[in-house]
Structures are given as C-alpha cells and as structure tokens.
C-alpha cells in the first residue's frame, strides 16, 4: 500500500471480498468393490492417453 494512504489496522481493503478463515468441509463416500475397480480402470485409461 502506498505510504500516503492510511487505513485503520485490521480494516479490510474495500476492493477485496471478505475471505473465509477455513476451507470447505470435507466429504467422503464409501465405494463398492465394483466402483473402485471401475475408477481404477478409468485412471489407467486416462494415464495411457497421449497428450
């Protein structure tokens, strides 16, 4: 911030939106054996592609 501009300590910059203090909540689901196998196959398939 330029020296000629002052703002109270702890006062947010007016041009920036309020920032979250924490990240989003984590979520997870259990995959079935078939779903895990399908996902592994997808990852292998995508890894084999020429970029």
C-alpha atoms as a PDB file:
ATOM      1  CA  UNK A   1       0.000   0.000   0.000  1.00  0.00           C
ATOM      2  CA  UNK A   2       1.424   3.442  -0.834  1.00  0.00           C
ATOM      3  CA  UNK A   3       2.767   5.397   2.119  1.00  0.00           C
ATOM      4  CA  UNK A   4       0.358   8.289   1.550  1.00  0.00           C
ATOM      5  CA  UNK A   5      -2.674   6.012   2.030  1.00  0.00           C
ATOM      6  CA  UNK A   6      -3.554   5.014   5.555  1.00  0.00           C
ATOM      7  CA  UNK A   7      -6.181   2.643   6.827  1.00  0.00           C
ATOM      8  CA  UNK A   8      -7.002   1.510  10.344  1.00  0.00           C
ATOM      9  CA  UNK A   9      -5.167  -1.607  11.493  1.00  0.00           C
ATOM     10  CA  UNK A  10      -7.239  -4.729  10.871  1.00  0.00           C
ATOM     11  CA  UNK A  11      -9.607  -2.915   8.494  1.00  0.00           C
ATOM     12  CA  UNK A  12     -10.108  -4.975   5.309  1.00  0.00           C
ATOM     13  CA  UNK A  13      -9.345  -3.485   1.936  1.00  0.00           C
ATOM     14  CA  UNK A  14     -12.618  -2.263   0.410  1.00  0.00           C
ATOM     15  CA  UNK A  15     -11.867  -3.707  -3.059  1.00  0.00           C
ATOM     16  CA  UNK A  16     -11.355  -7.274  -1.781  1.00  0.00           C
ATOM     17  CA  UNK A  17     -14.225  -9.547  -0.730  1.00  0.00           C
ATOM     18  CA  UNK A  18     -14.225 -10.995   2.772  1.00  0.00           C
ATOM     19  CA  UNK A  19     -12.071 -14.138   2.825  1.00  0.00           C
ATOM     20  CA  UNK A  20     -13.043 -17.406   4.514  1.00  0.00           C
ATOM     21  CA  UNK A  21     -10.972 -18.305   7.543  1.00  0.00           C
ATOM     22  CA  UNK A  22     -11.332 -22.049   6.951  1.00  0.00           C
ATOM     23  CA  UNK A  23     -11.595 -24.270   3.911  1.00  0.00           C
ATOM     24  CA  UNK A  24     -14.738 -26.032   2.797  1.00  0.00           C
ATOM     25  CA  UNK A  25     -15.995 -29.002   4.802  1.00  0.00           C
ATOM     26  CA  UNK A  26     -14.614 -32.364   3.645  1.00  0.00           C
ATOM     27  CA  UNK A  27     -16.965 -35.062   2.474  1.00  0.00           C
ATOM     28  CA  UNK A  28     -16.348 -38.672   1.568  1.00  0.00           C
ATOM     29  CA  UNK A  29     -18.291 -41.714   0.460  1.00  0.00           C
ATOM     30  CA  UNK A  30     -17.512 -45.410   0.593  1.00  0.00           C
ATOM     31  CA  UNK A  31     -17.135 -47.023  -2.847  1.00  0.00           C
ATOM     32  CA  UNK A  32     -18.222 -50.527  -3.602  1.00  0.00           C
ATOM     33  CA  UNK A  33     -15.671 -53.033  -4.919  1.00  0.00           C
ATOM     34  CA  UNK A  34     -17.115 -52.586  -8.409  1.00  0.00           C
ATOM     35  CA  UNK A  35     -16.913 -48.787  -8.188  1.00  0.00           C
ATOM     36  CA  UNK A  36     -13.279 -48.946  -7.035  1.00  0.00           C
ATOM     37  CA  UNK A  37     -12.431 -51.285  -9.919  1.00  0.00           C
ATOM     38  CA  UNK A  38     -14.185 -49.006 -12.437  1.00  0.00           C
ATOM     39  CA  UNK A  39     -12.359 -45.955 -11.085  1.00  0.00           C
ATOM     40  CA  UNK A  40      -9.005 -47.759 -11.251  1.00  0.00           C
ATOM     41  CA  UNK A  41      -9.732 -48.713 -14.871  1.00  0.00           C
ATOM     42  CA  UNK A  42     -10.619 -45.110 -15.700  1.00  0.00           C
ATOM     43  CA  UNK A  43      -7.364 -43.866 -14.153  1.00  0.00           C
ATOM     44  CA  UNK A  44      -5.374 -46.450 -16.138  1.00  0.00           C
ATOM     45  CA  UNK A  45      -7.200 -45.463 -19.329  1.00  0.00           C
ATOM     46  CA  UNK A  46      -6.557 -41.756 -18.792  1.00  0.00           C
ATOM     47  CA  UNK A  47      -2.917 -42.448 -17.935  1.00  0.00           C
ATOM     48  CA  UNK A  48      -2.434 -44.288 -21.240  1.00  0.00           C
ATOM     49  CA  UNK A  49      -3.607 -41.362 -23.376  1.00  0.00           C
ATOM     50  CA  UNK A  50      -1.104 -39.449 -25.475  1.00  0.00           C
ATOM     51  CA  UNK A  51      -1.057 -35.802 -24.521  1.00  0.00           C
END
